C-alpha atoms as a PDB file:
ATOM      1  CA  MET A   1      58.136 141.415 142.434  1.00  0.00           C
ATOM      2  CA  ALA A   2      55.758 140.097 145.310  1.00  0.00           C
ATOM      3  CA  SER A   3      54.997 141.845 148.685  1.00  0.00           C
ATOM      4  CA  MET A   4      56.943 139.683 151.231  1.00  0.00           C
ATOM      5  CA  THR A   5      57.628 139.662 155.116  1.00  0.00           C
ATOM      6  CA  MET A   6      61.234 139.502 156.331  1.00  0.00           C
ATOM      7  CA  VAL A   7      60.876 135.923 156.856  1.00  0.00           C
ATOM      8  CA  GLN A   8      59.426 135.260 153.521  1.00  0.00           C
ATOM      9  CA  ALA A   9      62.107 137.105 151.739  1.00  0.00           C
ATOM     10  CA  LEU A  10      65.220 135.251 153.743  1.00  0.00           C
ATOM     11  CA  ASN A  11      63.181 132.013 152.933  1.00  0.00           C
ATOM     12  CA  SER A  12      63.189 133.318 149.214  1.00  0.00           C
ATOM     13  CA  ALA A  13      66.884 134.244 149.127  1.00  0.00           C
ATOM     14  CA  MET A  14      67.781 130.570 150.336  1.00  0.00           C
ATOM     15  CA  ASP A  15      65.253 128.809 147.817  1.00  0.00           C
ATOM     16  CA  VAL A  16      66.793 131.032 144.936  1.00  0.00           C
ATOM     17  CA  MET A  17      70.596 130.166 145.926  1.00  0.00           C
ATOM     18  CA  LEU A  18      69.680 126.552 146.282  1.00  0.00           C
ATOM     19  CA  GLY A  19      68.439 126.416 142.833  1.00  0.00           C
ATOM     20  CA  ARG A  20      70.936 128.373 141.235  1.00  0.00           C
ATOM     21  CA  ASP A  21      73.887 126.786 142.783  1.00  0.00           C
ATOM     22  CA  SER A  22      74.148 122.962 143.633  1.00  0.00           C
ATOM     23  CA  ASP A  23      76.917 123.762 146.204  1.00  0.00           C
ATOM     24  CA  VAL A  24      74.653 125.551 148.295  1.00  0.00           C
ATOM     25  CA  LEU A  25      73.283 123.700 151.383  1.00  0.00           C
ATOM     26  CA  VAL A  26      71.096 124.820 154.056  1.00  0.00           C
ATOM     27  CA  PHE A  27      71.114 122.777 157.626  1.00  0.00           C
ATOM     28  CA  GLY A  28      70.645 123.287 161.370  1.00  0.00           C
ATOM     29  CA  GLU A  29      68.417 122.642 163.911  1.00  0.00           C
ATOM     30  CA  ASP A  30      64.782 121.937 163.074  1.00  0.00           C
ATOM     31  CA  VAL A  31      65.140 123.672 159.732  1.00  0.00           C
ATOM     32  CA  GLY A  32      64.481 120.683 157.400  1.00  0.00           C
ATOM     33  CA  TYR A  33      60.961 118.952 157.902  1.00  0.00           C
ATOM     34  CA  PHE A  34      59.668 121.695 160.407  1.00  0.00           C
ATOM     35  CA  GLY A  35      61.053 124.594 158.456  1.00  0.00           C
ATOM     36  CA  GLY A  36      62.543 126.254 161.408  1.00  0.00           C
ATOM     37  CA  VAL A  37      61.294 127.757 164.526  1.00  0.00           C
ATOM     38  CA  PHE A  38      60.346 130.870 162.535  1.00  0.00           C
ATOM     39  CA  ARG A  39      59.697 129.233 159.615  1.00  0.00           C
ATOM     40  CA  ALA A  40      62.549 130.686 157.538  1.00  0.00           C
ATOM     41  CA  THR A  41      63.269 127.318 155.827  1.00  0.00           C
ATOM     42  CA  GLU A  42      59.824 126.349 155.154  1.00  0.00           C
ATOM     43  CA  GLY A  43      59.351 124.261 152.198  1.00  0.00           C
ATOM     44  CA  LEU A  44      62.919 123.963 151.206  1.00  0.00           C
ATOM     45  CA  GLN A  45      63.493 120.197 152.245  1.00  0.00           C
ATOM     46  CA  LYS A  46      60.471 119.144 150.531  1.00  0.00           C
ATOM     47  CA  LYS A  47      61.666 121.198 147.280  1.00  0.00           C
ATOM     48  CA  TYR A  48      65.363 120.289 147.506  1.00  0.00           C
ATOM     49  CA  GLY A  49      65.484 117.032 149.385  1.00  0.00           C
ATOM     50  CA  VAL A  50      67.189 115.956 152.677  1.00  0.00           C
ATOM     51  CA  THR A  51      70.521 116.096 151.084  1.00  0.00           C
ATOM     52  CA  ARG A  52      70.197 119.894 150.515  1.00  0.00           C
ATOM     53  CA  CYS A  53      68.649 120.916 153.478  1.00  0.00           C
ATOM     54  CA  PHE A  54      68.563 118.925 156.656  1.00  0.00           C
ATOM     55  CA  ASP A  55      68.495 118.783 160.392  1.00  0.00           C
ATOM     56  CA  THR A  56      71.311 118.514 162.766  1.00  0.00           C
ATOM     57  CA  PRO A  57      71.700 117.448 166.482  1.00  0.00           C
ATOM     58  CA  ILE A  58      71.465 120.099 169.251  1.00  0.00           C
ATOM     59  CA  GLY A  59      75.144 121.232 169.028  1.00  0.00           C
ATOM     60  CA  GLU A  60      76.327 124.408 167.673  1.00  0.00           C
ATOM     61  CA  ALA A  61      79.742 123.901 167.849  1.00  0.00           C
ATOM     62  CA  GLY A  62      79.435 120.814 165.449  1.00  0.00           C
ATOM     63  CA  ILE A  63      77.097 122.618 163.018  1.00  0.00           C
ATOM     64  CA  VAL A  64      79.716 125.455 162.631  1.00  0.00           C
ATOM     65  CA  ALA A  65      82.615 122.759 162.468  1.00  0.00           C
ATOM     66  CA  VAL A  66      81.093 120.853 159.802  1.00  0.00           C
ATOM     67  CA  ALA A  67      80.239 124.095 157.976  1.00  0.00           C
ATOM     68  CA  VAL A  68      83.679 125.147 157.893  1.00  0.00           C
ATOM     69  CA  GLY A  69      85.044 121.899 156.618  1.00  0.00           C
ATOM     70  CA  MET A  70      82.367 121.906 153.763  1.00  0.00           C
ATOM     71  CA  GLY A  71      83.392 125.295 152.671  1.00  0.00           C
ATOM     72  CA  ALA A  72      87.080 124.588 152.845  1.00  0.00           C
ATOM     73  CA  TYR A  73      86.251 121.995 150.213  1.00  0.00           C
ATOM     74  CA  GLY A  74      84.057 123.772 147.780  1.00  0.00           C
ATOM     75  CA  LEU A  75      80.428 123.853 149.223  1.00  0.00           C
ATOM     76  CA  ARG A  76      78.629 126.909 150.395  1.00  0.00           C
ATOM     77  CA  PRO A  77      76.724 126.055 153.595  1.00  0.00           C
ATOM     78  CA  VAL A  78      74.217 128.405 155.220  1.00  0.00           C
ATOM     79  CA  VAL A  79      73.649 127.440 158.646  1.00  0.00           C
ATOM     80  CA  GLU A  80      70.951 128.364 160.964  1.00  0.00           C
ATOM     81  CA  ILE A  81      71.680 128.926 164.998  1.00  0.00           C
ATOM     82  CA  GLN A  82      68.068 128.643 166.348  1.00  0.00           C
ATOM     83  CA  PHE A  83      68.537 131.827 168.281  1.00  0.00           C
ATOM     84  CA  ALA A  84      71.828 134.048 168.509  1.00  0.00           C
ATOM     85  CA  ASP A  85      71.695 133.259 172.275  1.00  0.00           C
ATOM     86  CA  TYR A  86      72.605 130.026 171.326  1.00  0.00           C
ATOM     87  CA  ILE A  87      75.554 130.709 169.436  1.00  0.00           C
ATOM     88  CA  TYR A  88      78.220 130.760 172.215  1.00  0.00           C
ATOM     89  CA  PRO A  89      79.001 127.158 172.200  1.00  0.00           C
ATOM     90  CA  ALA A  90      80.294 127.578 168.504  1.00  0.00           C
ATOM     91  CA  TYR A  91      82.144 130.728 169.155  1.00  0.00           C
ATOM     92  CA  ASP A  92      85.518 128.982 169.093  1.00  0.00           C
ATOM     93  CA  GLN A  93      84.472 127.513 165.657  1.00  0.00           C
ATOM     94  CA  ILE A  94      83.940 130.894 164.470  1.00  0.00           C
ATOM     95  CA  VAL A  95      86.543 132.774 165.742  1.00  0.00           C
ATOM     96  CA  SER A  96      89.366 130.081 165.755  1.00  0.00           C
ATOM     97  CA  GLU A  97      88.720 128.395 162.571  1.00  0.00           C
ATOM     98  CA  ALA A  98      86.219 130.032 160.183  1.00  0.00           C
ATOM     99  CA  ALA A  99      87.695 133.550 160.544  1.00  0.00           C
ATOM    100  CA  ARG A 100      91.176 132.619 160.476  1.00  0.00           C
ATOM    101  CA  LEU A 101      91.187 129.805 157.592  1.00  0.00           C
ATOM    102  CA  ARG A 102      92.003 132.113 154.567  1.00  0.00           C
ATOM    103  CA  TYR A 103      94.739 133.742 156.380  1.00  0.00           C
ATOM    104  CA  ARG A 104      96.349 130.724 157.960  1.00  0.00           C
ATOM    105  CA  SER A 105      96.212 128.924 154.812  1.00  0.00           C
ATOM    106  CA  ALA A 106      97.608 131.747 152.991  1.00  0.00           C
ATOM    107  CA  GLY A 107      94.452 131.699 150.697  1.00  0.00           C
ATOM    108  CA  ASP A 108      94.860 128.041 149.910  1.00  0.00           C
ATOM    109  CA  PHE A 109      91.543 127.611 151.680  1.00  0.00           C
ATOM    110  CA  ILE A 110      88.576 129.755 152.332  1.00  0.00           C
ATOM    111  CA  ALA A 111      85.609 129.489 154.350  1.00  0.00           C
ATOM    112  CA  PRO A 112      82.568 130.514 152.364  1.00  0.00           C
ATOM    113  CA  LEU A 113      79.696 129.829 155.024  1.00  0.00           C
ATOM    114  CA  THR A 114      76.860 132.052 156.277  1.00  0.00           C
ATOM    115  CA  ILE A 115      75.573 131.781 159.684  1.00  0.00           C
ATOM    116  CA  ARG A 116      72.183 132.870 160.126  1.00  0.00           C
ATOM    117  CA  ALA A 117      70.538 133.637 163.444  1.00  0.00           C
ATOM    118  CA  PRO A 118      67.657 135.611 164.825  1.00  0.00           C
ATOM    119  CA  TYR A 119      68.662 138.214 167.273  1.00  0.00           C
ATOM    120  CA  GLY A 120      67.243 140.811 169.503  1.00  0.00           C
ATOM    121  CA  GLY A 121      64.314 141.477 171.704  1.00  0.00           C
ATOM    122  CA  GLY A 122      60.679 142.686 171.518  1.00  0.00           C
ATOM    123  CA  ILE A 123      58.920 139.264 171.511  1.00  0.00           C
ATOM    124  CA  PHE A 124      59.179 138.778 175.363  1.00  0.00           C
ATOM    125  CA  GLY A 125      61.873 135.987 174.875  1.00  0.00           C
ATOM    126  CA  GLY A 126      63.531 136.749 178.350  1.00  0.00           C
ATOM    127  CA  GLN A 127      67.253 136.852 178.932  1.00  0.00           C
ATOM    128  CA  THR A 128      68.173 133.310 176.856  1.00  0.00           C
ATOM    129  CA  HIS A 129      66.172 134.372 173.565  1.00  0.00           C
ATOM    130  CA  SER A 130      66.541 138.218 173.246  1.00  0.00           C
ATOM    131  CA  GLN A 131      70.303 138.963 173.349  1.00  0.00           C
ATOM    132  CA  SER A 132      72.279 141.109 170.765  1.00  0.00           C
ATOM    133  CA  PRO A 133      75.798 139.981 170.433  1.00  0.00           C
ATOM    134  CA  GLU A 134      76.835 141.576 167.298  1.00  0.00           C
ATOM    135  CA  ALA A 135      79.646 143.420 168.778  1.00  0.00           C
ATOM    136  CA  LEU A 136      81.400 139.992 169.734  1.00  0.00           C
ATOM    137  CA  PHE A 137      81.838 139.239 165.976  1.00  0.00           C
ATOM    138  CA  THR A 138      82.414 142.697 164.799  1.00  0.00           C
ATOM    139  CA  HIS A 139      85.786 142.674 166.894  1.00  0.00           C
ATOM    140  CA  VAL A 140      87.222 139.215 165.030  1.00  0.00           C
ATOM    141  CA  ALA A 141      89.000 139.886 162.048  1.00  0.00           C
ATOM    142  CA  GLY A 142      88.034 137.725 159.078  1.00  0.00           C
ATOM    143  CA  LEU A 143      84.376 137.927 159.848  1.00  0.00           C
ATOM    144  CA  VAL A 144      81.403 139.866 157.982  1.00  0.00           C
ATOM    145  CA  THR A 145      78.609 140.982 159.993  1.00  0.00           C
ATOM    146  CA  VAL A 146      75.353 141.781 158.711  1.00  0.00           C
ATOM    147  CA  ILE A 147      71.932 143.034 160.126  1.00  0.00           C
ATOM    148  CA  PRO A 148      69.163 143.919 157.691  1.00  0.00           C
ATOM    149  CA  SER A 149      65.956 145.870 158.930  1.00  0.00           C
ATOM    150  CA  ASN A 150      63.490 145.141 155.977  1.00  0.00           C
ATOM    151  CA  PRO A 151      62.545 142.438 153.515  1.00  0.00           C
ATOM    152  CA  PHE A 152      64.164 143.807 150.224  1.00  0.00           C
ATOM    153  CA  ASP A 153      67.513 144.173 152.095  1.00  0.00           C
ATOM    154  CA  ALA A 154      67.211 140.889 153.731  1.00  0.00           C
ATOM    155  CA  LYS A 155      66.902 139.003 150.647  1.00  0.00           C
ATOM    156  CA  GLY A 156      69.498 140.896 148.536  1.00  0.00           C
ATOM    157  CA  LEU A 157      71.797 140.808 151.685  1.00  0.00           C
ATOM    158  CA  LEU A 158      71.471 137.148 152.360  1.00  0.00           C
ATOM    159  CA  ILE A 159      72.197 136.297 148.635  1.00  0.00           C
ATOM    160  CA  SER A 160      75.456 138.472 149.019  1.00  0.00           C
ATOM    161  CA  ALA A 161      76.397 136.716 151.929  1.00  0.00           C
ATOM    162  CA  ILE A 162      76.025 133.245 150.413  1.00  0.00           C
ATOM    163  CA  GLU A 163      78.045 134.332 147.294  1.00  0.00           C
ATOM    164  CA  SER A 164      80.697 135.827 149.456  1.00  0.00           C
ATOM    165  CA  ASP A 165      84.113 133.644 149.842  1.00  0.00           C
ATOM    166  CA  ASP A 166      84.334 135.208 153.600  1.00  0.00           C
ATOM    167  CA  PRO A 167      82.313 133.621 156.557  1.00  0.00           C
ATOM    168  CA  VAL A 168      79.211 135.840 157.383  1.00  0.00           C
ATOM    169  CA  ILE A 169      77.314 136.248 160.451  1.00  0.00           C
ATOM    170  CA  PHE A 170      74.054 137.230 159.390  1.00  0.00           C
ATOM    171  CA  LEU A 171      71.685 138.338 162.105  1.00  0.00           C
ATOM    172  CA  GLU A 172      68.146 138.728 161.866  1.00  0.00           C
ATOM    173  CA  PRO A 173      65.881 140.938 163.834  1.00  0.00           C
ATOM    174  CA  LYS A 174      63.081 138.605 164.926  1.00  0.00           C
ATOM    175  CA  ARG A 175      60.903 141.393 166.014  1.00  0.00           C
ATOM    176  CA  LEU A 176      60.656 142.395 162.248  1.00  0.00           C
ATOM    177  CA  TYR A 177      60.260 139.061 160.902  1.00  0.00           C
ATOM    178  CA  ASN A 178      56.515 139.338 160.342  1.00  0.00           C
ATOM    179  CA  GLY A 179      56.053 143.239 160.183  1.00  0.00           C
ATOM    180  CA  PRO A 180      57.778 146.698 160.442  1.00  0.00           C
ATOM    181  CA  PHE A 181      58.328 147.921 164.091  1.00  0.00           C
ATOM    182  CA  ASP A 182      56.823 151.234 164.710  1.00  0.00           C
ATOM    183  CA  GLY A 183      58.897 151.892 167.622  1.00  0.00           C
ATOM    184  CA  HIS A 184      55.859 151.645 170.169  1.00  0.00           C
ATOM    185  CA  HIS A 185      55.390 148.163 171.999  1.00  0.00           C
ATOM    186  CA  GLU A 186      51.838 149.216 172.972  1.00  0.00           C
ATOM    187  CA  ARG A 187      50.867 149.568 169.119  1.00  0.00           C
ATOM    188  CA  PRO A 188      50.262 146.272 167.217  1.00  0.00           C
ATOM    189  CA  VAL A 189      52.944 145.055 164.658  1.00  0.00           C
ATOM    190  CA  THR A 190      52.011 146.499 161.430  1.00  0.00           C
ATOM    191  CA  SER A 191      51.981 144.164 158.516  1.00  0.00           C
ATOM    192  CA  TRP A 192      54.751 144.525 155.733  1.00  0.00           C
ATOM    193  CA  ALA A 193      51.871 144.800 153.289  1.00  0.00           C
ATOM    194  CA  GLY A 194      52.128 147.854 151.453  1.00  0.00           C
ATOM    195  CA  HIS A 195      55.462 148.883 153.015  1.00  0.00           C
ATOM    196  CA  PRO A 196      57.926 149.976 150.058  1.00  0.00           C
ATOM    197  CA  ALA A 197      60.349 147.621 151.446  1.00  0.00           C
ATOM    198  CA  SER A 198      57.986 144.718 151.276  1.00  0.00           C
ATOM    199  CA  GLU A 199      58.176 144.611 147.599  1.00  0.00           C
ATOM    200  CA  VAL A 200      60.730 142.015 146.906  1.00  0.00           C
ATOM    201  CA  PRO A 201      61.841 140.756 143.537  1.00  0.00           C
ATOM    202  CA  LEU A 202      61.300 136.741 143.136  1.00  0.00           C
ATOM    203  CA  GLU A 203      64.465 136.344 141.344  1.00  0.00           C
ATOM    204  CA  HIS A 204      68.057 136.836 142.220  1.00  0.00           C
ATOM    205  CA  TYR A 205      69.381 140.127 143.268  1.00  0.00           C
ATOM    206  CA  THR A 206      72.100 141.563 145.687  1.00  0.00           C
ATOM    207  CA  VAL A 207      72.543 144.302 147.996  1.00  0.00           C
ATOM    208  CA  PRO A 208      75.904 144.764 148.292  1.00  0.00           C
ATOM    209  CA  LEU A 209      77.726 144.188 151.513  1.00  0.00           C
ATOM    210  CA  GLY A 210      79.646 147.090 153.194  1.00  0.00           C
ATOM    211  CA  SER A 211      77.094 149.509 151.899  1.00  0.00           C
ATOM    212  CA  ALA A 212      75.055 151.692 154.190  1.00  0.00           C
ATOM    213  CA  ALA A 213      71.503 153.187 153.320  1.00  0.00           C
ATOM    214  CA  VAL A 214      69.975 156.578 153.768  1.00  0.00           C
ATOM    215  CA  ALA A 215      66.432 155.271 155.773  1.00  0.00           C
ATOM    216  CA  ARG A 216      65.575 159.050 156.053  1.00  0.00           C
ATOM    217  CA  PRO A 217      67.047 162.162 154.777  1.00  0.00           C
ATOM    218  CA  GLY A 218      67.561 164.953 157.089  1.00  0.00           C
ATOM    219  CA  ALA A 219      69.617 167.953 157.923  1.00  0.00           C
ATOM    220  CA  ALA A 220      69.747 168.570 161.605  1.00  0.00           C
ATOM    221  CA  VAL A 221      71.185 165.473 163.349  1.00  0.00           C
ATOM    222  CA  THR A 222      72.810 161.927 162.022  1.00  0.00           C
ATOM    223  CA  VAL A 223      71.347 158.954 163.601  1.00  0.00           C
ATOM    224  CA  LEU A 224      73.407 155.802 163.163  1.00  0.00           C
ATOM    225  CA  THR A 225      71.621 152.335 163.627  1.00  0.00           C
ATOM    226  CA  TYR A 226      70.678 149.159 162.262  1.00  0.00           C
ATOM    227  CA  GLY A 227      68.079 146.322 162.543  1.00  0.00           C
ATOM    228  CA  SER A 228      64.916 146.897 164.600  1.00  0.00           C
ATOM    229  CA  MET A 229      66.370 150.218 165.894  1.00  0.00           C
ATOM    230  CA  VAL A 230      66.043 151.914 162.296  1.00  0.00           C
ATOM    231  CA  HIS A 231      62.119 151.623 162.958  1.00  0.00           C
ATOM    232  CA  VAL A 232      62.399 153.061 166.419  1.00  0.00           C
ATOM    233  CA  ALA A 233      64.632 156.055 165.022  1.00  0.00           C
ATOM    234  CA  LEU A 234      62.027 156.782 162.358  1.00  0.00           C
ATOM    235  CA  ALA A 235      59.297 156.743 165.274  1.00  0.00           C
ATOM    236  CA  ALA A 236      61.420 158.982 167.465  1.00  0.00           C
ATOM    237  CA  ALA A 237      62.226 161.684 164.498  1.00  0.00           C
ATOM    238  CA  LEU A 238      58.208 161.478 163.860  1.00  0.00           C
ATOM    239  CA  ASP A 239      57.438 162.052 167.397  1.00  0.00           C
ATOM    240  CA  SER A 240      60.097 164.808 168.188  1.00  0.00           C
ATOM    241  CA  GLY A 241      60.031 166.719 164.858  1.00  0.00           C
ATOM    242  CA  ILE A 242      63.485 166.895 164.939  1.00  0.00           C
ATOM    243  CA  ASP A 243      65.057 166.697 160.995  1.00  0.00           C
ATOM    244  CA  ALA A 244      67.037 163.599 161.505  1.00  0.00           C
ATOM    245  CA  GLU A 245      68.999 161.836 158.946  1.00  0.00           C
ATOM    246  CA  ILE A 246      68.699 158.073 159.512  1.00  0.00           C
ATOM    247  CA  ILE A 247      71.558 155.906 158.113  1.00  0.00           C
ATOM    248  CA  ASP A 248      70.698 152.267 158.124  1.00  0.00           C
ATOM    249  CA  LEU A 249      74.173 150.668 158.521  1.00  0.00           C
ATOM    250  CA  ARG A 250      72.915 147.384 157.184  1.00  0.00           C
ATOM    251  CA  THR A 251      76.843 145.910 157.414  1.00  0.00           C
ATOM    252  CA  LEU A 252      78.727 146.496 160.411  1.00  0.00           C
ATOM    253  CA  VAL A 253      81.790 144.995 159.061  1.00  0.00           C
ATOM    254  CA  PRO A 254      82.782 146.022 156.336  1.00  0.00           C
ATOM    255  CA  LEU A 255      81.449 149.509 157.627  1.00  0.00           C
ATOM    256  CA  ASP A 256      80.266 152.323 154.992  1.00  0.00           C
ATOM    257  CA  ILE A 257      82.316 154.935 156.560  1.00  0.00           C
ATOM    258  CA  GLY A 258      81.817 157.148 153.737  1.00  0.00           C
ATOM    259  CA  THR A 259      78.073 157.482 154.212  1.00  0.00           C
ATOM    260  CA  ILE A 260      78.730 158.059 157.860  1.00  0.00           C
ATOM    261  CA  THR A 261      81.121 160.850 157.355  1.00  0.00           C
ATOM    262  CA  THR A 262      79.147 162.642 154.842  1.00  0.00           C
ATOM    263  CA  SER A 263      75.983 162.622 156.747  1.00  0.00           C
ATOM    264  CA  VAL A 264      77.591 163.915 159.992  1.00  0.00           C
ATOM    265  CA  GLU A 265      79.970 166.525 158.343  1.00  0.00           C
ATOM    266  CA  LYS A 266      76.403 167.797 156.673  1.00  0.00           C
ATOM    267  CA  THR A 267      74.500 167.782 160.221  1.00  0.00           C
ATOM    268  CA  GLY A 268      77.255 168.137 163.028  1.00  0.00           C
ATOM    269  CA  ARG A 269      75.529 166.174 165.363  1.00  0.00           C
ATOM    270  CA  CYS A 270      75.134 162.403 165.849  1.00  0.00           C
ATOM    271  CA  VAL A 271      73.071 159.858 167.785  1.00  0.00           C
ATOM    272  CA  ILE A 272      73.896 156.387 168.000  1.00  0.00           C
ATOM    273  CA  VAL A 273      71.145 153.809 168.846  1.00  0.00           C
ATOM    274  CA  HIS A 274      71.705 149.861 169.044  1.00  0.00           C
ATOM    275  CA  GLU A 275      69.631 147.473 171.218  1.00  0.00           C
ATOM    276  CA  ALA A 276      72.676 145.646 172.736  1.00  0.00           C
ATOM    277  CA  THR A 277      74.094 146.688 175.924  1.00  0.00           C
ATOM    278  CA  ARG A 278      75.986 149.891 176.272  1.00  0.00           C
ATOM    279  CA  THR A 279      79.300 148.965 177.527  1.00  0.00           C
ATOM    280  CA  SER A 280      81.458 147.897 174.623  1.00  0.00           C
ATOM    281  CA  GLY A 281      78.560 147.937 172.379  1.00  0.00           C
ATOM    282  CA  PHE A 282      79.169 148.534 168.731  1.00  0.00           C
ATOM    283  CA  GLY A 283      78.014 152.026 169.178  1.00  0.00           C
ATOM    284  CA  ALA A 284      81.338 152.526 171.061  1.00  0.00           C
ATOM    285  CA  GLU A 285      83.286 151.737 167.810  1.00  0.00           C
ATOM    286  CA  LEU A 286      80.780 154.402 166.025  1.00  0.00           C
ATOM    287  CA  SER A 287      81.130 157.007 168.403  1.00  0.00           C
ATOM    288  CA  ALA A 288      85.261 156.667 168.147  1.00  0.00           C
ATOM    289  CA  LEU A 289      84.990 156.398 164.340  1.00  0.00           C
ATOM    290  CA  VAL A 290      82.829 159.612 164.159  1.00  0.00           C
ATOM    291  CA  GLN A 291      84.974 161.435 166.634  1.00  0.00           C
ATOM    292  CA  GLU A 292      88.120 160.589 164.484  1.00  0.00           C
ATOM    293  CA  HIS A 293      86.758 161.272 161.119  1.00  0.00           C
ATOM    294  CA  CYS A 294      84.411 164.236 161.947  1.00  0.00           C
ATOM    295  CA  PHE A 295      85.929 166.030 165.065  1.00  0.00           C
ATOM    296  CA  TYR A 296      85.959 169.499 163.518  1.00  0.00           C
ATOM    297  CA  HIS A 297      82.453 169.247 162.131  1.00  0.00           C
ATOM    298  CA  LEU A 298      80.717 168.301 165.442  1.00  0.00           C
ATOM    299  CA  GLU A 299      78.662 170.688 167.101  1.00  0.00           C
ATOM    300  CA  ALA A 300      77.494 168.641 170.265  1.00  0.00           C
ATOM    301  CA  PRO A 301      78.632 165.530 172.025  1.00  0.00           C
ATOM    302  CA  ILE A 302      77.924 162.246 170.444  1.00  0.00           C
ATOM    303  CA  GLU A 303      74.780 160.707 171.876  1.00  0.00           C
ATOM    304  CA  ARG A 304      74.599 156.983 172.421  1.00  0.00           C
ATOM    305  CA  VAL A 305      70.955 155.123 173.257  1.00  0.00           C
ATOM    306  CA  ALA A 306      71.395 151.409 174.124  1.00  0.00           C
ATOM    307  CA  GLY A 307      70.147 148.593 176.283  1.00  0.00           C
ATOM    308  CA  TRP A 308      71.107 148.726 179.769  1.00  0.00           C
ATOM    309  CA  ASP A 309      74.293 146.831 181.089  1.00  0.00           C
ATOM    310  CA  THR A 310      72.052 144.174 182.731  1.00  0.00           C
ATOM    311  CA  PRO A 311      70.875 140.519 181.550  1.00  0.00           C
ATOM    312  CA  TYR A 312      67.814 141.256 179.113  1.00  0.00           C
ATOM    313  CA  PRO A 313      64.717 141.325 181.564  1.00  0.00           C
ATOM    314  CA  HIS A 314      61.538 139.627 180.838  1.00  0.00           C
ATOM    315  CA  ALA A 315      59.397 141.515 182.971  1.00  0.00           C
ATOM    316  CA  PHE A 316      60.707 144.845 182.042  1.00  0.00           C
ATOM    317  CA  GLU A 317      61.599 144.212 178.306  1.00  0.00           C
ATOM    318  CA  TRP A 318      60.241 147.677 177.142  1.00  0.00           C
ATOM    319  CA  ASP A 319      62.215 149.461 180.078  1.00  0.00           C
ATOM    320  CA  TYR A 320      65.221 148.048 178.286  1.00  0.00           C
ATOM    321  CA  PHE A 321      64.279 147.955 175.025  1.00  0.00           C
ATOM    322  CA  PRO A 322      65.452 151.380 173.556  1.00  0.00           C
ATOM    323  CA  GLY A 323      62.322 152.993 172.613  1.00  0.00           C
ATOM    324  CA  PRO A 324      61.280 156.363 170.592  1.00  0.00           C
ATOM    325  CA  ALA A 325      60.792 158.253 173.836  1.00  0.00           C
ATOM    326  CA  ARG A 326      64.280 157.541 174.744  1.00  0.00           C
ATOM    327  CA  VAL A 327      65.632 157.977 171.313  1.00  0.00           C
ATOM    328  CA  ALA A 328      63.694 161.639 170.874  1.00  0.00           C
ATOM    329  CA  ALA A 329      65.324 162.522 174.300  1.00  0.00           C
ATOM    330  CA  ALA A 330      68.838 162.161 172.725  1.00  0.00           C
ATOM    331  CA  LEU A 331      67.964 164.016 169.719  1.00  0.00           C
ATOM    332  CA  ARG A 332      66.747 166.755 171.910  1.00  0.00           C
ATOM    333  CA  ARG A 333      69.916 166.826 173.652  1.00  0.00           C
ATOM    334  CA  ALA A 334      71.999 166.872 170.512  1.00  0.00           C
ATOM    335  CA  MET A 335      69.865 169.668 169.317  1.00  0.00           C
ATOM    336  CA  GLU A 336      70.141 171.852 172.585  1.00  0.00           C
ATOM    337  CA  ALA A 337      73.827 171.192 173.152  1.00  0.00           C
END
């Protein structure tokens, strides 16, 4: 075991898999000699050489297209999109090629590629470096969508993603790369050192795709969330004094509906929190599923706390970013209904 930040844990996952499986390749913009804009691939090219970890031109569609072809012929590419905001040029390749290949070929070909991308706000990145596009991928049949909230899960989930025979969209909350987010922007980011989830095995291990985790047990209200919002929800529960059970979804597709329904049937109340814009966000799907599966157990309307339906603002980031005050207010509304 070693104490790691999330970015170190991700690096460790790729290191383990490059050493374990000669079919694994890592490539993208500036991931080689430079080690990535957030240093997630630091040292990998030096250790494994330029044929296993290499830089690409600035062309996201080409990066993913090459990865689809590699995967179809037996390799396991791990590609980095420098920011999730830059993934849109590759969307056609992801949706029309990677997601459909197994179905279109009747199982003759697969697309075992992992697409990593830093996502979300909280670092004053403005509208072109802070987006949360996860709902665009959860809508596409054939894709797996993963978002970790801590170093231990990040490494285990990334290894599972690389070993999966399906294309995986692996979104990494960059607000959490170097420390857990306590939910309050005015406080400094706390180091991951000493945090239980910072203790990460050096060797190979997996966290299963499609399995949620109970980040905080509780009996009064269920909070469904993922990524950096897990830490916001934890702060909101502490600040409000409400005994909230916080479910870290970890994988959005496939979704662990069993853990969700068990919790909501117990508490009778549900608050959904995500950073992406509210309209057509993944929270809408979660709300529909909770209503379908748990209607007769609900004692209050389902609450949603999300980003505003605007481009991500630079000057007003902390009004846009769902903080503990907004989440605590939703918890109180759920309890008072």
